[in-house]
């Protein structure tokens, strides 16, 4: 059972860990689980910031932690909803039933969503940037941060202690154990959460990177001493670290990203796979790291995380019935939705009686503004000429990645 954790006098995290059984948002695997964090802020009155949904016993976890603070659901005066996505609001209707007097504060754009999702209209107050809530001896300040990552999102700031309740911003996948704060984590735990932050960002936030940059700029004059997100660890020793990480990840949208290459491949009968080794050796000849993913064997979540941080992309896919092999089409669709723009790219692949994959690849690469080095495409099995061309083109791509400043 997770315990309520004190961030500072009168401010507490109440949290539940979710396992790996379900997919996050119905699409992203969470092999290491994820935490759902809510927060209690106490002055003369009590505010609950963000919620959970009834997911793997999360409500029971939260209720027990509230009781450890001598707080009943009926004692909560205010509910602050930074974000309306159901993992943060799913239990709202039941909370309102248990506490009909609770006052709900959310952004103006969230008000109709409270009605649409939960049928609640009364005692819902819209707040915006600069608005405050006086709890008696403690104040909350609201900041609109739209599209991080829904249009209605906002953040809540407690200026006395410098605590920023950032909801989905600055979050990460992964369960949180007894080490709740950044200064409590071992080196290996920090590395774990860095990986899960990348995957969380790429999967959940990447398409909204310009809004991440704008939202952080809005906060630059605040004295932020603690960052308390709704997923992941709490940053109290070095909150600037996670802010800097998010700014860096946001910058990857338009490149350059890291000096590395992500190679994604699929093969029906082994003919596209037959060129794989030559292409990998071409990248490695320039001492550029290459991460290789095979689809559909690997989930798009991990491919997207790798592609987001790579300046170079190599797509290996055959033609399937006059079009691109469907699993690879699905991957490129995810990259398009996530705005993996301005990469150095190439394609290789085989075809049988007719080509066709290249046409759809060209459509994606145009949409994503990729600088395409070229394509090595061949009928049937690759010849030695095709192998040499694959090596050389991959090496040229690696040089382009190396020289991209």
Protein backbone atom coordinates (compact mmCIF):
# COMPACT_ATOMS: atom_id res chain seq x y z
CA UNK A 1 0.00 0.00 0.00
CA UNK A 2 1.44 3.38 -1.03
CA UNK A 3 1.54 6.02 1.69
CA UNK A 4 0.64 9.68 1.43
CA UNK A 5 3.87 11.63 0.95
CA UNK A 6 4.46 15.13 2.30
CA UNK A 7 6.01 17.50 -0.25
CA UNK A 8 6.11 20.39 2.17
CA UNK A 9 4.03 21.60 5.09
CA UNK A 10 0.37 21.10 4.21
CA UNK A 11 0.97 19.66 0.70
CA UNK A 12 0.80 15.91 0.09
CA UNK A 13 0.96 13.45 -2.79
CA UNK A 14 -1.63 10.68 -2.81
CA UNK A 15 -0.96 8.14 -5.51
CA UNK A 16 -1.70 4.76 -7.01
CA UNK A 17 0.46 2.52 -9.19
CA UNK A 18 -1.13 0.88 -12.21
CA UNK A 19 0.28 -2.39 -13.57
CA UNK A 20 0.98 -3.57 -17.09
CA UNK A 21 -2.33 -5.33 -17.82
CA UNK A 22 -3.92 -2.50 -19.79
CA UNK A 23 -2.73 -0.17 -22.52
CA UNK A 24 -2.33 3.51 -21.62
CA UNK A 25 -4.91 5.54 -23.57
CA UNK A 26 -5.96 2.22 -25.07
CA UNK A 27 -2.87 2.11 -27.31
CA UNK A 28 0.48 2.44 -25.48
CA UNK A 29 1.93 -0.54 -23.57
CA UNK A 30 3.11 0.13 -20.03
CA UNK A 31 5.33 -2.88 -19.24
CA UNK A 32 6.65 -1.03 -16.19
CA UNK A 33 3.26 0.35 -15.15
CA UNK A 34 2.47 3.98 -14.46
CA UNK A 35 1.69 6.08 -11.41
CA UNK A 36 -1.42 8.21 -11.02
CA UNK A 37 -0.62 11.15 -8.74
CA UNK A 38 -3.11 13.46 -7.05
CA UNK A 39 -2.32 16.12 -4.49
CA UNK A 40 -3.83 17.57 -1.34
CA UNK A 41 -3.22 21.21 -0.40
CA UNK A 42 -4.40 22.25 3.06
CA UNK A 43 -5.01 25.71 4.42
CA UNK A 44 -8.08 26.53 6.45
CA UNK A 45 -9.82 24.74 3.59
CA UNK A 46 -8.73 21.68 1.63
CA UNK A 47 -8.16 21.32 -2.11
CA UNK A 48 -7.69 18.12 -4.08
CA UNK A 49 -5.68 18.65 -7.26
CA UNK A 50 -6.49 16.16 -10.01
CA UNK A 51 -7.95 12.72 -9.51
CA UNK A 52 -7.75 9.13 -10.65
CA UNK A 53 -10.12 6.78 -12.38
CA UNK A 54 -11.27 3.50 -10.88
CA UNK A 55 -8.39 1.57 -12.44
CA UNK A 56 -6.80 -1.45 -10.73
CA UNK A 57 -7.94 -0.33 -7.29
CA UNK A 58 -6.64 3.23 -7.62
CA UNK A 59 -9.69 4.73 -5.90
CA UNK A 60 -9.26 2.48 -2.87
CA UNK A 61 -5.56 3.42 -2.70
CA UNK A 62 -6.35 7.12 -2.79
CA UNK A 63 -9.13 6.83 -0.21
CA UNK A 64 -6.90 4.99 2.25
CA UNK A 65 -4.18 7.62 1.85
CA UNK A 66 -6.70 10.40 2.44
CA UNK A 67 -7.77 8.70 5.65
CA UNK A 68 -4.13 8.55 6.77
CA UNK A 69 -4.22 12.35 6.58
CA UNK A 70 -7.48 12.37 8.57
CA UNK A 71 -9.34 13.53 5.48
CA UNK A 72 -12.68 12.12 4.37
CA UNK A 73 -13.97 12.64 0.84
CA UNK A 74 -16.70 14.79 2.34
CA UNK A 75 -14.06 17.09 3.91
CA UNK A 76 -12.64 18.28 0.58
CA UNK A 77 -13.77 21.81 -0.24
CA UNK A 78 -12.31 22.25 -3.72
CA UNK A 79 -11.39 20.01 -6.62
CA UNK A 80 -8.94 21.47 -9.12
CA UNK A 81 -8.99 19.77 -12.51
CA UNK A 82 -5.88 20.65 -14.49
CA UNK A 83 -6.82 18.26 -17.29
CA UNK A 84 -10.00 16.43 -18.24
CA UNK A 85 -8.58 13.18 -19.58
CA UNK A 86 -10.31 10.29 -17.77
CA UNK A 87 -7.19 8.95 -16.05
CA UNK A 88 -7.36 12.18 -14.01
CA UNK A 89 -11.13 12.60 -13.77
CA UNK A 90 -12.69 9.14 -14.15
CA UNK A 91 -14.04 9.01 -10.60
CA UNK A 92 -15.51 12.51 -10.71
CA UNK A 93 -19.19 11.53 -10.84
CA UNK A 94 -18.86 9.32 -7.77
CA UNK A 95 -16.85 11.97 -5.89
CA UNK A 96 -19.57 14.52 -6.60
CA UNK A 97 -22.19 12.02 -5.41
CA UNK A 98 -20.26 11.50 -2.18
CA UNK A 99 -19.50 15.20 -1.75
CA UNK A 100 -22.24 17.26 -3.48
CA UNK A 101 -20.90 20.52 -2.01
CA UNK A 102 -17.43 20.21 -3.52
CA UNK A 103 -16.54 23.15 -5.75
CA UNK A 104 -14.88 22.25 -9.03
CA UNK A 105 -12.35 24.63 -10.59
CA UNK A 106 -11.09 24.11 -14.12
CA UNK A 107 -10.23 26.06 -17.26
CA UNK A 108 -12.95 27.70 -19.32
CA UNK A 109 -12.57 25.08 -22.06
CA UNK A 110 -12.89 22.29 -19.50
CA UNK A 111 -16.30 23.40 -18.22
CA UNK A 112 -18.28 21.88 -21.12
CA UNK A 113 -16.18 18.73 -20.86
CA UNK A 114 -17.16 18.29 -17.21
CA UNK A 115 -20.77 18.29 -18.43
CA UNK A 116 -20.11 16.09 -21.47
CA UNK A 117 -18.12 13.43 -19.60
CA UNK A 118 -19.91 13.41 -16.25
CA UNK A 119 -23.16 15.36 -16.58
CA UNK A 120 -22.06 17.90 -13.97
CA UNK A 121 -23.01 21.56 -14.44
CA UNK A 122 -23.55 23.04 -10.98
CA UNK A 123 -20.80 24.42 -8.78
CA UNK A 124 -18.26 24.36 -11.61
CA UNK A 125 -16.10 27.49 -11.87
CA UNK A 126 -13.90 28.48 -14.79
CA UNK A 127 -10.48 29.92 -13.93
CA UNK A 128 -7.69 31.26 -16.10
CA UNK A 129 -4.16 32.60 -16.01
CA UNK A 130 -3.64 34.79 -12.95
CA UNK A 131 -6.79 33.70 -11.14
CA UNK A 132 -6.26 32.54 -7.56
CA UNK A 133 -7.91 30.38 -4.96
CA UNK A 134 -7.52 31.40 -1.30
CA UNK A 135 -7.57 28.35 0.94
CA UNK A 136 -6.97 30.43 4.07
CA UNK A 137 -3.27 30.74 4.80
CA UNK A 138 -2.40 29.23 1.45
CA UNK A 139 -3.04 30.35 -2.11
CA UNK A 140 -3.24 28.57 -5.45
CA UNK A 141 -2.54 30.36 -8.74
CA UNK A 142 -3.77 29.07 -12.09
CA UNK A 143 -1.96 29.17 -15.43
CA UNK A 144 -3.55 28.25 -18.76
CA UNK A 145 -1.26 25.89 -20.69
CA UNK A 146 -3.46 24.81 -23.60
CA UNK A 147 -2.59 21.76 -25.67
CA UNK A 148 -0.26 20.14 -23.19
CA UNK A 149 -1.80 17.97 -24.34
CA UNK A 150 -5.54 18.73 -24.62
CA UNK A 151 -6.88 22.23 -25.43
CA UNK A 152 -8.28 22.70 -21.92
CA UNK A 153 -5.15 21.93 -19.91
CA UNK A 154 -3.85 24.23 -17.21
CA UNK A 155 -1.37 24.07 -14.35
CA UNK A 156 -1.71 25.08 -10.72
CA UNK A 157 1.04 26.84 -8.75
CA UNK A 158 1.42 27.24 -5.00
CA UNK A 159 3.74 30.25 -4.72
CA UNK A 160 4.66 30.09 -1.03
CA UNK A 161 6.34 26.68 -1.33
CA UNK A 162 6.99 27.05 -5.07
CA UNK A 163 5.12 23.86 -5.98
CA UNK A 164 3.97 23.47 -9.58
CA UNK A 165 1.20 20.92 -10.10
CA UNK A 166 1.81 20.23 -13.78
CA UNK A 167 -0.55 17.33 -14.50
CA UNK A 168 0.62 15.55 -17.69
CA UNK A 169 3.51 17.93 -18.31
CA UNK A 170 6.87 16.72 -16.97
CA UNK A 171 5.43 13.23 -16.52
CA UNK A 172 6.76 9.75 -17.22
CA UNK A 173 5.64 6.15 -17.50
CA UNK A 174 6.73 3.70 -14.82
CA UNK A 175 5.59 2.80 -11.33
CA UNK A 176 6.97 4.89 -8.48
CA UNK A 177 8.15 3.03 -5.40
CA UNK A 178 9.36 4.28 -2.05
CA UNK A 179 11.78 6.65 -3.82
CA UNK A 180 9.32 9.40 -4.73
CA UNK A 181 11.63 12.40 -5.15
CA UNK A 182 14.43 12.92 -7.66
CA UNK A 183 17.04 13.18 -4.91
CA UNK A 184 16.04 9.74 -3.57
CA UNK A 185 16.67 7.88 -6.83
CA UNK A 186 19.74 5.78 -7.57
CA UNK A 187 21.65 6.23 -10.82
CA UNK A 188 19.89 3.23 -12.36
CA UNK A 189 16.49 4.54 -11.26
CA UNK A 190 17.23 7.92 -12.85
CA UNK A 191 18.20 6.14 -16.06
CA UNK A 192 14.97 4.16 -15.95
CA UNK A 193 12.83 7.27 -15.60
CA UNK A 194 14.80 9.06 -18.32
CA UNK A 195 13.88 6.23 -20.71
CA UNK A 196 10.26 6.25 -19.58
CA UNK A 197 10.13 10.05 -19.85
CA UNK A 198 11.28 9.82 -23.46
CA UNK A 199 8.69 7.18 -24.31
CA UNK A 200 5.94 9.03 -22.46
CA UNK A 201 6.81 12.28 -24.22
CA UNK A 202 7.07 10.69 -27.67
CA UNK A 203 3.83 8.73 -27.24
CA UNK A 204 1.68 11.30 -25.45
CA UNK A 205 3.05 14.80 -25.91
CA UNK A 206 5.27 14.98 -29.00
CA UNK A 207 2.68 16.30 -31.44
CA UNK A 208 2.15 19.28 -29.12
CA UNK A 209 5.82 20.25 -28.76
CA UNK A 210 5.34 23.94 -29.76
CA UNK A 211 2.79 24.25 -26.95
CA UNK A 212 5.24 22.68 -24.51
CA UNK A 213 7.75 25.40 -25.36
CA UNK A 214 5.09 28.12 -24.99
CA UNK A 215 3.84 26.69 -21.71
CA UNK A 216 7.33 26.57 -20.21
CA UNK A 217 7.93 30.16 -21.31
CA UNK A 218 4.79 31.20 -19.40
CA UNK A 219 6.31 29.75 -16.25
CA UNK A 220 9.82 31.17 -16.58
CA UNK A 221 9.26 34.00 -14.09
CA UNK A 222 7.83 31.75 -11.38
CA UNK A 223 10.07 30.57 -8.56
CA UNK A 224 9.45 26.86 -9.12
CA UNK A 225 11.08 24.78 -6.38
CA UNK A 226 9.09 21.56 -6.73
CA UNK A 227 7.46 20.01 -9.81
CA UNK A 228 4.62 17.64 -8.99
CA UNK A 229 3.32 15.88 -12.12
CA UNK A 230 0.39 13.48 -12.38
CA UNK A 231 2.59 10.62 -13.62
CA UNK A 232 6.08 9.84 -12.38
CA UNK A 233 8.44 11.15 -9.73
CA UNK A 234 8.40 14.53 -7.97
CA UNK A 235 11.26 16.90 -8.72
CA UNK A 236 12.40 18.83 -5.63
CA UNK A 237 16.21 18.81 -5.77
CA UNK A 238 16.58 19.80 -9.41
CA UNK A 239 13.28 20.77 -11.06
CA UNK A 240 15.23 22.56 -13.78
CA UNK A 241 16.45 19.13 -14.95
CA UNK A 242 13.01 17.90 -16.04
CA UNK A 243 12.14 21.32 -17.50
CA UNK A 244 15.34 21.19 -19.55
CA UNK A 245 14.63 17.61 -20.61
CA UNK A 246 11.18 18.58 -21.86
CA UNK A 247 12.55 21.58 -23.75
CA UNK A 248 15.14 19.34 -25.38
CA UNK A 249 12.52 16.75 -26.31
CA UNK A 250 10.28 19.49 -27.73
CA UNK A 251 13.15 20.73 -29.90
CA UNK A 252 13.43 17.30 -31.55
CA UNK A 253 10.21 17.88 -33.51
CA UNK A 254 11.95 19.93 -36.17
CA UNK A 255 15.45 18.54 -35.72
CA UNK A 256 18.22 18.07 -35.43
CA UNK A 257 17.69 15.52 -32.69
CA UNK A 258 20.43 13.17 -31.45
CA UNK A 259 23.24 12.12 -33.77
CA UNK A 260 21.86 8.64 -34.24
CA UNK A 261 19.72 6.62 -36.63
CA UNK A 262 16.55 4.61 -36.09
CA UNK A 263 16.08 1.77 -38.57
CA UNK A 264 12.59 0.29 -38.78
CA UNK A 265 12.10 -2.75 -40.96
CA UNK A 266 9.54 -5.36 -41.93
CA UNK A 267 9.81 -8.28 -44.30
CA UNK A 268 7.33 -10.79 -45.73
CA UNK A 269 9.57 -13.59 -46.99
CA UNK A 270 13.05 -12.36 -46.10
CA UNK A 271 13.94 -10.42 -49.24
CA UNK A 272 13.77 -6.99 -47.60
CA UNK A 273 15.51 -8.43 -44.54
CA UNK A 274 18.30 -9.63 -46.81
CA UNK A 275 19.52 -6.04 -47.27
CA UNK A 276 19.37 -5.22 -43.56
CA UNK A 277 22.95 -6.14 -42.69
CA UNK A 278 24.41 -4.04 -45.53
CA UNK A 279 22.39 -0.99 -44.46
CA UNK A 280 23.36 -1.33 -40.81
CA UNK A 281 27.04 -1.64 -41.72
CA UNK A 282 26.75 1.49 -43.84
CA UNK A 283 25.58 3.53 -40.84
CA UNK A 284 28.13 1.98 -38.51
CA UNK A 285 30.94 2.78 -40.96
CA UNK A 286 30.51 6.41 -39.90
CA UNK A 287 30.45 5.55 -36.17
CA UNK A 288 26.85 6.66 -35.85
CA UNK A 289 24.68 4.63 -33.41
CA UNK A 290 21.78 2.77 -35.02
CA UNK A 291 18.76 1.37 -33.17
CA UNK A 292 16.91 -1.37 -35.04
CA UNK A 293 13.21 -2.18 -34.69
CA UNK A 294 11.23 -4.87 -36.49
CA UNK A 295 7.51 -4.42 -37.07
CA UNK A 296 4.94 -5.69 -36.41
CA UNK A 297 6.94 -7.67 -33.84
CA UNK A 298 7.70 -4.49 -31.85
CA UNK A 299 5.00 -2.09 -30.72
CA UNK A 300 4.83 1.35 -32.30
CA UNK A 301 5.31 2.91 -28.84
CA UNK A 302 8.98 1.89 -28.75
CA UNK A 303 9.59 2.68 -32.41
CA UNK A 304 8.18 6.18 -31.93
CA UNK A 305 10.33 6.86 -28.87
CA UNK A 306 13.46 5.85 -30.78
CA UNK A 307 12.49 7.80 -33.91
CA UNK A 308 11.69 10.93 -31.89
CA UNK A 309 15.24 11.23 -30.59
CA UNK A 310 16.99 10.25 -33.84
CA UNK A 311 18.07 12.67 -36.55
CA UNK A 312 18.17 9.87 -39.11
CA UNK A 313 15.47 7.39 -40.11
CA UNK A 314 15.76 4.33 -42.33
CA UNK A 315 12.58 2.60 -43.42
CA UNK A 316 12.87 -0.96 -44.71
CA UNK A 317 9.60 -2.20 -46.15
CA UNK A 318 8.38 -4.32 -49.05
CA UNK A 319 5.45 -3.70 -51.35
CA UNK A 320 2.28 -5.56 -50.44
CA UNK A 321 -0.43 -5.74 -53.10
CA UNK A 322 0.60 -2.52 -54.87
CA UNK A 323 0.99 -0.59 -51.60
CA UNK A 324 3.24 -0.42 -48.56
CA UNK A 325 3.36 -3.42 -46.23
CA UNK A 326 0.46 -2.63 -43.81
CA UNK A 327 2.41 -2.87 -40.52
CA UNK A 328 4.92 -0.31 -41.82
CA UNK A 329 2.16 1.94 -43.10
CA UNK A 330 0.78 1.95 -39.55
CA UNK A 331 4.19 2.98 -38.18
CA UNK A 332 4.55 5.86 -40.64
CA UNK A 333 1.02 6.96 -39.80
CA UNK A 334 2.00 7.14 -36.11
CA UNK A 335 5.14 9.13 -36.99
CA UNK A 336 2.97 11.49 -39.05
CA UNK A 337 0.42 11.96 -36.27
CA UNK A 338 3.25 12.59 -33.81
CA UNK A 339 4.95 15.16 -36.10
CA UNK A 340 8.34 13.51 -36.41
CA UNK A 341 9.43 16.25 -38.79
CA UNK A 342 12.62 17.12 -40.66
CA UNK A 343 14.62 13.90 -40.45
CA UNK A 344 17.33 12.65 -42.77
CA UNK A 345 15.75 9.55 -44.29
CA UNK A 346 16.10 6.70 -46.76
CA UNK A 347 14.10 3.63 -47.72
CA UNK A 348 14.97 0.14 -48.91
CA UNK A 349 12.77 -2.80 -49.81
CA UNK A 350 11.75 -5.49 -52.24
CA UNK A 351 8.73 -6.10 -54.43
CA UNK A 352 7.32 -9.06 -56.30
CA UNK A 353 5.28 -8.65 -59.46
CA UNK A 354 4.88 -4.88 -58.98
CA UNK A 355 6.10 -1.99 -56.84
CA UNK A 356 3.91 0.53 -55.05
CA UNK A 357 5.32 1.03 -51.55
CA UNK A 358 7.43 3.96 -52.70
CA UNK A 359 4.42 6.06 -53.62
CA UNK A 360 3.01 5.90 -50.10
CA UNK A 361 6.47 6.42 -48.61
CA UNK A 362 6.84 9.57 -50.72
CA UNK A 363 3.49 10.86 -49.45
CA UNK A 364 4.55 10.41 -45.83
CA UNK A 365 8.03 11.86 -46.35
CA UNK A 366 6.54 14.93 -48.01
CA UNK A 367 4.05 15.43 -45.17
CA UNK A 368 6.83 15.04 -42.61
CA UNK A 369 9.31 17.25 -44.49
CA UNK A 370 11.97 14.53 -44.54
CA UNK A 371 15.20 15.09 -46.43
CA UNK A 372 15.27 11.81 -48.36
CA UNK A 373 18.72 10.58 -49.35
CA UNK A 374 17.13 8.05 -51.71
CA UNK A 375 15.68 4.55 -52.03
CA UNK A 376 17.17 1.15 -52.80
CA UNK A 377 14.32 -0.91 -54.23
CA UNK A 378 14.63 -4.20 -56.07
CA UNK A 379 12.52 -7.02 -57.46
CA UNK A 380 12.80 -10.28 -55.60
CA UNK A 381 16.08 -10.91 -53.77
CA UNK A 382 18.79 -8.22 -53.59
CA UNK A 383 21.75 -8.51 -55.93
CA UNK A 384 25.29 -7.62 -54.93
CA UNK A 385 24.74 -4.30 -56.69
CA UNK A 386 21.70 -3.64 -54.45
CA UNK A 387 23.69 -4.61 -51.35
CA UNK A 388 26.47 -2.21 -52.27
CA UNK A 389 23.93 0.53 -52.97
CA UNK A 390 22.27 -0.08 -49.59
CA UNK A 391 25.60 0.19 -47.79
CA UNK A 392 26.59 3.37 -49.62
CA UNK A 393 23.25 5.12 -49.22
CA UNK A 394 23.12 4.32 -45.50
CA UNK A 395 26.64 5.66 -45.13
CA UNK A 396 25.63 8.87 -46.91
CA UNK A 397 22.69 9.21 -44.53
CA UNK A 398 25.00 8.74 -41.54
CA UNK A 399 27.31 11.46 -42.86
CA UNK A 400 24.31 13.78 -43.25
CA UNK A 401 23.28 13.08 -39.65
CA UNK A 402 26.83 13.64 -38.43
CA UNK A 403 27.11 16.99 -40.20
CA UNK A 404 23.66 18.30 -39.25
CA UNK A 405 24.11 21.13 -36.80
